[in-house]
């Protein structure tokens, strides 16, 4: 009969910081800036990256295009066996501020 042992201190990453959403688009950069006000970044200079730490997002402005990167919403998870961790602080920016879900592992021994 197999035995099941639950190691409460053995945690694994169920989701990692690599769970990211990306929005790309074309824009007029003839002024030397990307107008990203609709994404609440304002004007971002071509070749620059802007961080919005309160929303855990970043914007990249390139010649004729922009990229917005943000965390995916946290999916539903088993709160009895999993825990959500999020880094906060003025020096924590995207993608390090994306939430990470860590869950207990169930090991099966025969």
PDB file of N, CA and C in Angstrom:
ATOM      1  N   UNK A   1       0.859  -1.173   0.000  1.00  0.00           N
ATOM      2  CA  UNK A   1       0.000   0.000   0.000  1.00  0.00           C
ATOM      3  C   UNK A   1       0.905   1.236   0.000  1.00  0.00           C
ATOM      4  N   UNK A   2       0.667   2.110  -0.934  1.00  0.00           N
ATOM      5  CA  UNK A   2       1.524   3.292  -1.007  1.00  0.00           C
ATOM      6  C   UNK A   2       1.271   4.236   0.173  1.00  0.00           C
ATOM      7  N   UNK A   3       2.324   4.850   0.583  1.00  0.00           N
ATOM      8  CA  UNK A   3       2.222   5.848   1.657  1.00  0.00           C
ATOM      9  C   UNK A   3       2.350   7.239   1.056  1.00  0.00           C
ATOM     10  N   UNK A   4       1.565   8.127   1.567  1.00  0.00           N
ATOM     11  CA  UNK A   4       1.622   9.518   1.122  1.00  0.00           C
ATOM     12  C   UNK A   4       2.140  10.371   2.272  1.00  0.00           C
ATOM     13  N   UNK A   5       3.147  11.123   1.993  1.00  0.00           N
ATOM     14  CA  UNK A   5       3.715  12.005   3.014  1.00  0.00           C
ATOM     15  C   UNK A   5       3.695  13.426   2.477  1.00  0.00           C
ATOM     16  N   UNK A   6       3.149  14.299   3.243  1.00  0.00           N
ATOM     17  CA  UNK A   6       3.068  15.699   2.839  1.00  0.00           C
ATOM     18  C   UNK A   6       4.181  16.471   3.528  1.00  0.00           C
ATOM     19  N   UNK A   7       5.091  17.018   2.758  1.00  0.00           N
ATOM     20  CA  UNK A   7       6.171  17.832   3.314  1.00  0.00           C
ATOM     21  C   UNK A   7       5.742  19.294   3.253  1.00  0.00           C
ATOM     22  N   UNK A   8       5.365  19.838   4.387  1.00  0.00           N
ATOM     23  CA  UNK A   8       4.864  21.212   4.401  1.00  0.00           C
ATOM     24  C   UNK A   8       5.955  22.238   4.140  1.00  0.00           C
ATOM     25  N   UNK A   9       7.217  21.855   4.345  1.00  0.00           N
ATOM     26  CA  UNK A   9       8.292  22.809   4.114  1.00  0.00           C
ATOM     27  C   UNK A   9       8.957  22.635   2.757  1.00  0.00           C
ATOM     28  N   UNK A  10       8.476  21.676   1.996  1.00  0.00           N
ATOM     29  CA  UNK A  10       9.047  21.456   0.666  1.00  0.00           C
ATOM     30  C   UNK A  10       8.160  22.176  -0.339  1.00  0.00           C
ATOM     31  N   UNK A  11       8.576  23.327  -0.759  1.00  0.00           N
ATOM     32  CA  UNK A  11       7.770  24.142  -1.654  1.00  0.00           C
ATOM     33  C   UNK A  11       8.373  24.157  -3.045  1.00  0.00           C
ATOM     34  N   UNK A  12       7.511  24.200  -4.037  1.00  0.00           N
ATOM     35  CA  UNK A  12       7.976  24.350  -5.411  1.00  0.00           C
ATOM     36  C   UNK A  12       7.255  25.519  -6.048  1.00  0.00           C
ATOM     37  N   UNK A  13       7.850  26.030  -7.106  1.00  0.00           N
ATOM     38  CA  UNK A  13       7.204  27.100  -7.836  1.00  0.00           C
ATOM     39  C   UNK A  13       6.119  26.516  -8.720  1.00  0.00           C
ATOM     40  N   UNK A  14       4.918  26.975  -8.516  1.00  0.00           N
ATOM     41  CA  UNK A  14       3.808  26.574  -9.366  1.00  0.00           C
ATOM     42  C   UNK A  14       3.722  27.527 -10.550  1.00  0.00           C
ATOM     43  N   UNK A  15       3.929  28.796 -10.268  1.00  0.00           N
ATOM     44  CA  UNK A  15       4.032  29.816 -11.301  1.00  0.00           C
ATOM     45  C   UNK A  15       5.308  30.584 -11.028  1.00  0.00           C
ATOM     46  N   UNK A  16       5.915  31.119 -12.032  1.00  0.00           N
ATOM     47  CA  UNK A  16       7.135  31.885 -11.823  1.00  0.00           C
ATOM     48  C   UNK A  16       6.973  33.278 -12.397  1.00  0.00           C
ATOM     49  N   UNK A  17       8.011  34.095 -12.238  1.00  0.00           N
ATOM     50  CA  UNK A  17       7.978  35.452 -12.764  1.00  0.00           C
ATOM     51  C   UNK A  17       7.935  35.494 -14.278  1.00  0.00           C
ATOM     52  N   UNK A  18       8.077  34.355 -14.923  1.00  0.00           N
ATOM     53  CA  UNK A  18       8.023  34.327 -16.378  1.00  0.00           C
ATOM     54  C   UNK A  18       6.599  34.383 -16.911  1.00  0.00           C
ATOM     55  N   UNK A  19       5.617  34.420 -16.022  1.00  0.00           N
ATOM     56  CA  UNK A  19       4.228  34.515 -16.451  1.00  0.00           C
ATOM     57  C   UNK A  19       3.932  35.993 -16.686  1.00  0.00           C
ATOM     58  N   UNK A  20       4.083  36.408 -17.938  1.00  0.00           N
ATOM     59  CA  UNK A  20       3.996  37.823 -18.263  1.00  0.00           C
ATOM     60  C   UNK A  20       3.111  38.043 -19.481  1.00  0.00           C
ATOM     61  N   UNK A  21       2.444  39.170 -19.500  1.00  0.00           N
ATOM     62  CA  UNK A  21       1.649  39.580 -20.654  1.00  0.00           C
ATOM     63  C   UNK A  21       2.402  40.676 -21.389  1.00  0.00           C
ATOM     64  N   UNK A  22       2.356  40.635 -22.704  1.00  0.00           N
ATOM     65  CA  UNK A  22       3.037  41.633 -23.527  1.00  0.00           C
ATOM     66  C   UNK A  22       2.050  42.240 -24.506  1.00  0.00           C
ATOM     67  N   UNK A  23       2.058  43.558 -24.584  1.00  0.00           N
ATOM     68  CA  UNK A  23       1.242  44.299 -25.549  1.00  0.00           C
ATOM     69  C   UNK A  23       2.205  45.040 -26.462  1.00  0.00           C
ATOM     70  N   UNK A  24       2.047  44.855 -27.766  1.00  0.00           N
ATOM     71  CA  UNK A  24       2.908  45.553 -28.727  1.00  0.00           C
ATOM     72  C   UNK A  24       2.032  46.342 -29.686  1.00  0.00           C
ATOM     73  N   UNK A  25       2.593  47.438 -30.173  1.00  0.00           N
ATOM     74  CA  UNK A  25       1.854  48.236 -31.136  1.00  0.00           C
ATOM     75  C   UNK A  25       2.753  49.201 -31.876  1.00  0.00           C
ATOM     76  N   UNK A  26       2.228  49.708 -32.969  1.00  0.00           N
ATOM     77  CA  UNK A  26       2.934  50.722 -33.757  1.00  0.00           C
ATOM     78  C   UNK A  26       2.503  52.100 -33.266  1.00  0.00           C
ATOM     79  N   UNK A  27       3.413  53.053 -33.340  1.00  0.00           N
ATOM     80  CA  UNK A  27       3.101  54.414 -32.910  1.00  0.00           C
ATOM     81  C   UNK A  27       3.977  55.407 -33.669  1.00  0.00           C
ATOM     82  N   UNK A  28       3.517  56.632 -33.727  1.00  0.00           N
ATOM     83  CA  UNK A  28       4.275  57.705 -34.382  1.00  0.00           C
ATOM     84  C   UNK A  28       5.345  58.202 -33.414  1.00  0.00           C
ATOM     85  N   UNK A  29       6.601  58.047 -33.789  1.00  0.00           N
ATOM     86  CA  UNK A  29       7.708  58.500 -32.937  1.00  0.00           C
ATOM     87  C   UNK A  29       8.470  59.656 -33.581  1.00  0.00           C
ATOM     88  N   UNK A  30       7.825  60.375 -34.516  1.00  0.00           N
ATOM     89  CA  UNK A  30       8.505  61.486 -35.193  1.00  0.00           C
ATOM     90  C   UNK A  30       8.885  62.603 -34.218  1.00  0.00           C
ATOM     91  N   UNK A  31       8.207  62.668 -33.077  1.00  0.00           N
ATOM     92  CA  UNK A  31       8.531  63.672 -32.052  1.00  0.00           C
ATOM     93  C   UNK A  31       9.682  63.217 -31.154  1.00  0.00           C
ATOM     94  N   UNK A  32      10.156  61.987 -31.360  1.00  0.00           N
ATOM     95  CA  UNK A  32      11.213  61.451 -30.510  1.00  0.00           C
ATOM     96  C   UNK A  32      10.690  60.741 -29.276  1.00  0.00           C
ATOM     97  N   UNK A  33       9.363  60.589 -29.206  1.00  0.00           N
ATOM     98  CA  UNK A  33       8.718  59.959 -28.056  1.00  0.00           C
ATOM     99  C   UNK A  33       7.619  59.008 -28.514  1.00  0.00           C
ATOM    100  N   UNK A  34       7.276  58.071 -27.645  1.00  0.00           N
ATOM    101  CA  UNK A  34       6.060  57.268 -27.790  1.00  0.00           C
ATOM    102  C   UNK A  34       5.024  57.890 -26.857  1.00  0.00           C
ATOM    103  N   UNK A  35       3.836  58.149 -27.369  1.00  0.00           N
ATOM    104  CA  UNK A  35       2.757  58.663 -26.529  1.00  0.00           C
ATOM    105  C   UNK A  35       2.022  57.460 -25.943  1.00  0.00           C
ATOM    106  N   UNK A  36       2.325  57.149 -24.695  1.00  0.00           N
ATOM    107  CA  UNK A  36       1.742  55.984 -24.037  1.00  0.00           C
ATOM    108  C   UNK A  36       0.800  56.392 -22.908  1.00  0.00           C
ATOM    109  N   UNK A  37       0.129  57.536 -23.088  1.00  0.00           N
ATOM    110  CA  UNK A  37      -0.787  58.021 -22.056  1.00  0.00           C
ATOM    111  C   UNK A  37      -1.965  57.075 -21.861  1.00  0.00           C
ATOM    112  N   UNK A  38      -2.391  56.379 -22.918  1.00  0.00           N
ATOM    113  CA  UNK A  38      -3.514  55.450 -22.757  1.00  0.00           C
ATOM    114  C   UNK A  38      -3.141  54.272 -21.860  1.00  0.00           C
ATOM    115  N   UNK A  39      -1.848  54.032 -21.676  1.00  0.00           N
ATOM    116  CA  UNK A  39      -1.370  52.981 -20.775  1.00  0.00           C
ATOM    117  C   UNK A  39      -0.854  53.567 -19.459  1.00  0.00           C
ATOM    118  N   UNK A  40      -1.103  54.855 -19.241  1.00  0.00           N
ATOM    119  CA  UNK A  40      -0.689  55.578 -18.030  1.00  0.00           C
ATOM    120  C   UNK A  40       0.825  55.653 -17.850  1.00  0.00           C
ATOM    121  N   UNK A  41       1.565  55.753 -18.958  1.00  0.00           N
ATOM    122  CA  UNK A  41       3.006  55.958 -18.904  1.00  0.00           C
ATOM    123  C   UNK A  41       3.402  57.356 -19.371  1.00  0.00           C
ATOM    124  N   UNK A  42       2.477  58.096 -19.950  1.00  0.00           N
ATOM    125  CA  UNK A  42       2.817  59.409 -20.488  1.00  0.00           C
ATOM    126  C   UNK A  42       3.655  59.281 -21.744  1.00  0.00           C
ATOM    127  N   UNK A  43       4.613  60.196 -21.911  1.00  0.00           N
ATOM    128  CA  UNK A  43       5.503  60.160 -23.082  1.00  0.00           C
ATOM    129  C   UNK A  43       6.823  59.506 -22.683  1.00  0.00           C
ATOM    130  N   UNK A  44       7.224  58.519 -23.473  1.00  0.00           N
ATOM    131  CA  UNK A  44       8.475  57.801 -23.219  1.00  0.00           C
ATOM    132  C   UNK A  44       9.398  58.057 -24.398  1.00  0.00           C
ATOM    133  N   UNK A  45      10.609  58.475 -24.117  1.00  0.00           N
ATOM    134  CA  UNK A  45      11.582  58.804 -25.157  1.00  0.00           C
ATOM    135  C   UNK A  45      11.993  57.544 -25.932  1.00  0.00           C
ATOM    136  N   UNK A  46      12.188  57.705 -27.252  1.00  0.00           N
ATOM    137  CA  UNK A  46      12.612  56.587 -28.100  1.00  0.00           C
ATOM    138  C   UNK A  46      13.930  56.023 -27.564  1.00  0.00           C
ATOM    139  N   UNK A  47      13.984  54.704 -27.443  1.00  0.00           N
ATOM    140  CA  UNK A  47      15.176  54.035 -26.932  1.00  0.00           C
ATOM    141  C   UNK A  47      15.211  53.894 -25.421  1.00  0.00           C
ATOM    142  N   UNK A  48      14.166  54.354 -24.753  1.00  0.00           N
ATOM    143  CA  UNK A  48      14.133  54.313 -23.285  1.00  0.00           C
ATOM    144  C   UNK A  48      13.105  53.304 -22.778  1.00  0.00           C
ATOM    145  N   UNK A  49      13.293  52.920 -21.525  1.00  0.00           N
ATOM    146  CA  UNK A  49      12.378  52.024 -20.824  1.00  0.00           C
ATOM    147  C   UNK A  49      11.812  52.793 -19.638  1.00  0.00           C
ATOM    148  N   UNK A  50      10.501  52.712 -19.435  1.00  0.00           N
ATOM    149  CA  UNK A  50       9.854  53.358 -18.294  1.00  0.00           C
ATOM    150  C   UNK A  50       9.218  52.282 -17.417  1.00  0.00           C
ATOM    151  N   UNK A  51       9.409  52.409 -16.106  1.00  0.00           N
ATOM    152  CA  UNK A  51       8.834  51.462 -15.154  1.00  0.00           C
ATOM    153  C   UNK A  51       7.695  52.122 -14.403  1.00  0.00           C
ATOM    154  N   UNK A  52       6.655  51.369 -14.138  1.00  0.00           N
ATOM    155  CA  UNK A  52       5.564  51.809 -13.275  1.00  0.00           C
ATOM    156  C   UNK A  52       5.440  50.748 -12.181  1.00  0.00           C
ATOM    157  N   UNK A  53       6.178  50.964 -11.104  1.00  0.00           N
ATOM    158  CA  UNK A  53       6.271  49.946 -10.061  1.00  0.00           C
ATOM    159  C   UNK A  53       4.967  49.716  -9.310  1.00  0.00           C
ATOM    160  N   UNK A  54       4.126  50.729  -9.190  1.00  0.00           N
ATOM    161  CA  UNK A  54       2.873  50.545  -8.457  1.00  0.00           C
ATOM    162  C   UNK A  54       1.940  49.571  -9.172  1.00  0.00           C
ATOM    163  N   UNK A  55       2.076  49.448 -10.496  1.00  0.00           N
ATOM    164  CA  UNK A  55       1.272  48.495 -11.277  1.00  0.00           C
ATOM    165  C   UNK A  55       2.107  47.311 -11.751  1.00  0.00           C
ATOM    166  N   UNK A  56       3.387  47.305 -11.445  1.00  0.00           N
ATOM    167  CA  UNK A  56       4.321  46.252 -11.866  1.00  0.00           C
ATOM    168  C   UNK A  56       4.293  46.099 -13.388  1.00  0.00           C
ATOM    169  N   UNK A  57       4.588  47.197 -14.082  1.00  0.00           N
ATOM    170  CA  UNK A  57       4.606  47.217 -15.544  1.00  0.00           C
ATOM    171  C   UNK A  57       5.847  47.947 -16.036  1.00  0.00           C
ATOM    172  N   UNK A  58       6.185  47.689 -17.287  1.00  0.00           N
ATOM    173  CA  UNK A  58       7.221  48.484 -17.937  1.00  0.00           C
ATOM    174  C   UNK A  58       6.805  48.778 -19.360  1.00  0.00           C
ATOM    175  N   UNK A  59       7.320  49.878 -19.884  1.00  0.00           N
ATOM    176  CA  UNK A  59       7.060  50.290 -21.265  1.00  0.00           C
ATOM    177  C   UNK A  59       8.394  50.487 -21.957  1.00  0.00           C
ATOM    178  N   UNK A  60       8.485  49.998 -23.182  1.00  0.00           N
ATOM    179  CA  UNK A  60       9.684  50.152 -23.996  1.00  0.00           C
ATOM    180  C   UNK A  60       9.280  50.925 -25.239  1.00  0.00           C
ATOM    181  N   UNK A  61       9.985  52.004 -25.521  1.00  0.00           N
ATOM    182  CA  UNK A  61       9.716  52.801 -26.718  1.00  0.00           C
ATOM    183  C   UNK A  61      10.858  52.593 -27.707  1.00  0.00           C
ATOM    184  N   UNK A  62      10.507  52.143 -28.899  1.00  0.00           N
ATOM    185  CA  UNK A  62      11.471  51.962 -29.980  1.00  0.00           C
ATOM    186  C   UNK A  62      10.994  52.779 -31.170  1.00  0.00           C
ATOM    187  N   UNK A  63      11.832  52.948 -32.140  1.00  0.00           N
ATOM    188  CA  UNK A  63      11.474  53.715 -33.337  1.00  0.00           C
ATOM    189  C   UNK A  63      10.239  53.100 -33.999  1.00  0.00           C
ATOM    190  N   UNK A  64       9.113  53.827 -33.944  1.00  0.00           N
ATOM    191  CA  UNK A  64       7.874  53.404 -34.595  1.00  0.00           C
ATOM    192  C   UNK A  64       7.074  52.342 -33.871  1.00  0.00           C
ATOM    193  N   UNK A  65       7.486  51.944 -32.673  1.00  0.00           N
ATOM    194  CA  UNK A  65       6.770  50.876 -31.965  1.00  0.00           C
ATOM    195  C   UNK A  65       6.936  51.008 -30.455  1.00  0.00           C
ATOM    196  N   UNK A  66       6.035  50.356 -29.738  1.00  0.00           N
ATOM    197  CA  UNK A  66       6.118  50.305 -28.281  1.00  0.00           C
ATOM    198  C   UNK A  66       5.823  48.887 -27.815  1.00  0.00           C
ATOM    199  N   UNK A  67       6.278  48.584 -26.616  1.00  0.00           N
ATOM    200  CA  UNK A  67       5.983  47.313 -25.955  1.00  0.00           C
ATOM    201  C   UNK A  67       5.644  47.614 -24.505  1.00  0.00           C
ATOM    202  N   UNK A  68       4.538  47.061 -24.028  1.00  0.00           N
ATOM    203  CA  UNK A  68       4.139  47.162 -22.627  1.00  0.00           C
ATOM    204  C   UNK A  68       4.208  45.750 -22.060  1.00  0.00           C
ATOM    205  N   UNK A  69       4.863  45.595 -20.930  1.00  0.00           N
ATOM    206  CA  UNK A  69       4.941  44.287 -20.276  1.00  0.00           C
ATOM    207  C   UNK A  69       4.366  44.406 -18.875  1.00  0.00           C
ATOM    208  N   UNK A  70       3.571  43.397 -18.519  1.00  0.00           N
ATOM    209  CA  UNK A  70       2.939  43.372 -17.196  1.00  0.00           C
ATOM    210  C   UNK A  70       2.738  41.930 -16.757  1.00  0.00           C
ATOM    211  N   UNK A  71       2.397  41.753 -15.510  1.00  0.00           N
ATOM    212  CA  UNK A  71       2.141  40.420 -14.966  1.00  0.00           C
ATOM    213  C   UNK A  71       0.737  39.970 -15.365  1.00  0.00           C
ATOM    214  N   UNK A  72       0.586  38.677 -15.574  1.00  0.00           N
ATOM    215  CA  UNK A  72      -0.753  38.122 -15.755  1.00  0.00           C
ATOM    216  C   UNK A  72      -1.482  38.190 -14.420  1.00  0.00           C
ATOM    217  N   UNK A  73      -2.814  38.259 -14.452  1.00  0.00           N
ATOM    218  CA  UNK A  73      -3.552  38.172 -13.188  1.00  0.00           C
ATOM    219  C   UNK A  73      -3.270  36.820 -12.520  1.00  0.00           C
ATOM    220  N   UNK A  74      -3.313  36.796 -11.215  1.00  0.00           N
ATOM    221  CA  UNK A  74      -3.065  35.558 -10.480  1.00  0.00           C
ATOM    222  C   UNK A  74      -4.257  34.629 -10.675  1.00  0.00           C
ATOM    223  N   UNK A  75      -4.010  33.408 -11.146  1.00  0.00           N
ATOM    224  CA  UNK A  75      -5.117  32.460 -11.329  1.00  0.00           C
ATOM    225  C   UNK A  75      -5.596  31.923  -9.982  1.00  0.00           C
ATOM    226  N   UNK A  76      -6.738  31.267  -9.989  1.00  0.00           N
ATOM    227  CA  UNK A  76      -7.226  30.646  -8.760  1.00  0.00           C
ATOM    228  C   UNK A  76      -6.266  29.536  -8.356  1.00  0.00           C
ATOM    229  N   UNK A  77      -6.090  29.372  -7.060  1.00  0.00           N
ATOM    230  CA  UNK A  77      -5.206  28.327  -6.555  1.00  0.00           C
ATOM    231  C   UNK A  77      -5.734  27.827  -5.219  1.00  0.00           C
ATOM    232  N   UNK A  78      -5.268  26.673  -4.814  1.00  0.00           N
ATOM    233  CA  UNK A  78      -5.671  26.039  -3.564  1.00  0.00           C
ATOM    234  C   UNK A  78      -4.970  26.739  -2.403  1.00  0.00           C
ATOM    235  N   UNK A  79      -5.695  27.589  -1.703  1.00  0.00           N
ATOM    236  CA  UNK A  79      -5.083  28.381  -0.633  1.00  0.00           C
ATOM    237  C   UNK A  79      -4.693  27.543   0.586  1.00  0.00           C
ATOM    238  N   UNK A  80      -5.172  26.312   0.675  1.00  0.00           N
ATOM    239  CA  UNK A  80      -4.767  25.446   1.783  1.00  0.00           C
ATOM    240  C   UNK A  80      -3.365  24.885   1.570  1.00  0.00           C
ATOM    241  N   UNK A  81      -2.963  24.743   0.302  1.00  0.00           N
ATOM    242  CA  UNK A  81      -1.666  24.145  -0.002  1.00  0.00           C
ATOM    243  C   UNK A  81      -0.734  25.086  -0.760  1.00  0.00           C
ATOM    244  N   UNK A  82      -1.219  26.261  -1.077  1.00  0.00           N
ATOM    245  CA  UNK A  82      -0.414  27.211  -1.844  1.00  0.00           C
ATOM    246  C   UNK A  82      -0.446  28.584  -1.178  1.00  0.00           C
ATOM    247  N   UNK A  83       0.561  29.372  -1.468  1.00  0.00           N
ATOM    248  CA  UNK A  83       0.652  30.715  -0.913  1.00  0.00           C
ATOM    249  C   UNK A  83       1.155  31.669  -1.991  1.00  0.00           C
ATOM    250  N   UNK A  84       0.640  32.886  -1.971  1.00  0.00           N
ATOM    251  CA  UNK A  84       1.070  33.905  -2.931  1.00  0.00           C
ATOM    252  C   UNK A  84       2.126  34.792  -2.285  1.00  0.00           C
ATOM    253  N   UNK A  85       3.214  35.019  -3.023  1.00  0.00           N
ATOM    254  CA  UNK A  85       4.283  35.896  -2.567  1.00  0.00           C
ATOM    255  C   UNK A  85       4.472  37.004  -3.587  1.00  0.00           C
ATOM    256  N   UNK A  86       4.604  38.225  -3.107  1.00  0.00           N
ATOM    257  CA  UNK A  86       4.841  39.370  -3.976  1.00  0.00           C
ATOM    258  C   UNK A  86       5.894  40.253  -3.320  1.00  0.00           C
ATOM    259  N   UNK A  87       6.890  40.632  -4.086  1.00  0.00           N
ATOM    260  CA  UNK A  87       7.925  41.532  -3.579  1.00  0.00           C
ATOM    261  C   UNK A  87       7.435  42.968  -3.709  1.00  0.00           C
ATOM    262  N   UNK A  88       7.673  43.766  -2.679  1.00  0.00           N
ATOM    263  CA  UNK A  88       7.304  45.172  -2.682  1.00  0.00           C
ATOM    264  C   UNK A  88       8.531  46.014  -2.366  1.00  0.00           C
ATOM    265  N   UNK A  89       8.456  47.268  -2.698  1.00  0.00           N
ATOM    266  CA  UNK A  89       9.523  48.196  -2.354  1.00  0.00           C
ATOM    267  C   UNK A  89       9.852  49.100  -3.518  1.00  0.00           C
ATOM    268  N   UNK A  90      10.473  50.222  -3.216  1.00  0.00           N
ATOM    269  CA  UNK A  90      10.759  51.195  -4.268  1.00  0.00           C
ATOM    270  C   UNK A  90      11.792  50.688  -5.263  1.00  0.00           C
ATOM    271  N   UNK A  91      12.621  49.739  -4.848  1.00  0.00           N
ATOM    272  CA  UNK A  91      13.649  49.206  -5.740  1.00  0.00           C
ATOM    273  C   UNK A  91      13.211  47.934  -6.460  1.00  0.00           C
ATOM    274  N   UNK A  92      11.984  47.491  -6.237  1.00  0.00           N
ATOM    275  CA  UNK A  92      11.478  46.277  -6.877  1.00  0.00           C
ATOM    276  C   UNK A  92      10.658  46.686  -8.094  1.00  0.00           C
ATOM    277  N   UNK A  93      11.097  46.267  -9.267  1.00  0.00           N
ATOM    278  CA  UNK A  93      10.386  46.628 -10.491  1.00  0.00           C
ATOM    279  C   UNK A  93      10.101  45.381 -11.319  1.00  0.00           C
ATOM    280  N   UNK A  94       9.368  45.573 -12.391  1.00  0.00           N
ATOM    281  CA  UNK A  94       8.983  44.478 -13.265  1.00  0.00           C
ATOM    282  C   UNK A  94      10.221  43.773 -13.796  1.00  0.00           C
ATOM    283  N   UNK A  95      10.261  42.465 -13.862  1.00  0.00           N
ATOM    284  CA  UNK A  95       9.250  41.458 -13.518  1.00  0.00           C
ATOM    285  C   UNK A  95       9.354  40.943 -12.087  1.00  0.00           C
ATOM    286  N   UNK A  96      10.285  41.478 -11.298  1.00  0.00           N
ATOM    287  CA  UNK A  96      10.478  40.970  -9.935  1.00  0.00           C
ATOM    288  C   UNK A  96       9.285  41.219  -9.026  1.00  0.00           C
ATOM    289  N   UNK A  97       8.427  42.160  -9.374  1.00  0.00           N
ATOM    290  CA  UNK A  97       7.262  42.459  -8.548  1.00  0.00           C
ATOM    291  C   UNK A  97       6.048  41.605  -8.908  1.00  0.00           C
ATOM    292  N   UNK A  98       6.160  40.761  -9.932  1.00  0.00           N
ATOM    293  CA  UNK A  98       5.048  39.872 -10.298  1.00  0.00           C
ATOM    294  C   UNK A  98       4.820  38.850  -9.187  1.00  0.00           C
ATOM    295  N   UNK A  99       3.545  38.553  -8.891  1.00  0.00           N
ATOM    296  CA  UNK A  99       3.259  37.570  -7.850  1.00  0.00           C
ATOM    297  C   UNK A  99       3.743  36.176  -8.251  1.00  0.00           C
ATOM    298  N   UNK A 100       4.163  35.421  -7.257  1.00  0.00           N
ATOM    299  CA  UNK A 100       4.597  34.039  -7.446  1.00  0.00           C
ATOM    300  C   UNK A 100       3.754  33.173  -6.520  1.00  0.00           C
ATOM    301  N   UNK A 101       3.232  32.075  -7.045  1.00  0.00           N
ATOM    302  CA  UNK A 101       2.461  31.128  -6.248  1.00  0.00           C
ATOM    303  C   UNK A 101       3.363  29.944  -5.925  1.00  0.00           C
ATOM    304  N   UNK A 102       3.475  29.623  -4.643  1.00  0.00           N
ATOM    305  CA  UNK A 102       4.275  28.468  -4.225  1.00  0.00           C
ATOM    306  C   UNK A 102       3.350  27.476  -3.543  1.00  0.00           C
ATOM    307  N   UNK A 103       3.492  26.209  -3.922  1.00  0.00           N
ATOM    308  CA  UNK A 103       2.610  25.167  -3.395  1.00  0.00           C
ATOM    309  C   UNK A 103       3.414  24.055  -2.742  1.00  0.00           C
ATOM    310  N   UNK A 104       2.790  23.399  -1.777  1.00  0.00           N
ATOM    311  CA  UNK A 104       3.393  22.232  -1.149  1.00  0.00           C
ATOM    312  C   UNK A 104       3.410  21.095  -2.160  1.00  0.00           C
ATOM    313  N   UNK A 105       4.362  20.222  -2.010  1.00  0.00           N
ATOM    314  CA  UNK A 105       4.470  19.078  -2.901  1.00  0.00           C
ATOM    315  C   UNK A 105       4.037  17.820  -2.166  1.00  0.00           C
ATOM    316  N   UNK A 106       3.289  17.010  -2.836  1.00  0.00           N
ATOM    317  CA  UNK A 106       2.862  15.735  -2.277  1.00  0.00           C
ATOM    318  C   UNK A 106       3.763  14.659  -2.855  1.00  0.00           C
ATOM    319  N   UNK A 107       4.535  14.016  -1.994  1.00  0.00           N
ATOM    320  CA  UNK A 107       5.432  12.950  -2.436  1.00  0.00           C
ATOM    321  C   UNK A 107       4.772  11.602  -2.175  1.00  0.00           C
ATOM    322  N   UNK A 108       4.997  10.700  -3.073  1.00  0.00           N
ATOM    323  CA  UNK A 108       4.422   9.369  -2.947  1.00  0.00           C
ATOM    324  C   UNK A 108       5.564   8.354  -2.891  1.00  0.00           C
ATOM    325  N   UNK A 109       5.590   7.565  -1.828  1.00  0.00           N
ATOM    326  CA  UNK A 109       6.613   6.538  -1.667  1.00  0.00           C
ATOM    327  C   UNK A 109       5.949   5.169  -1.691  1.00  0.00           C
ATOM    328  N   UNK A 110       6.601   4.214  -2.315  1.00  0.00           N
ATOM    329  CA  UNK A 110       6.064   2.846  -2.386  1.00  0.00           C
ATOM    330  C   UNK A 110       6.829   1.939  -1.465  1.00  0.00           C
TER     331      UNK A 110
END
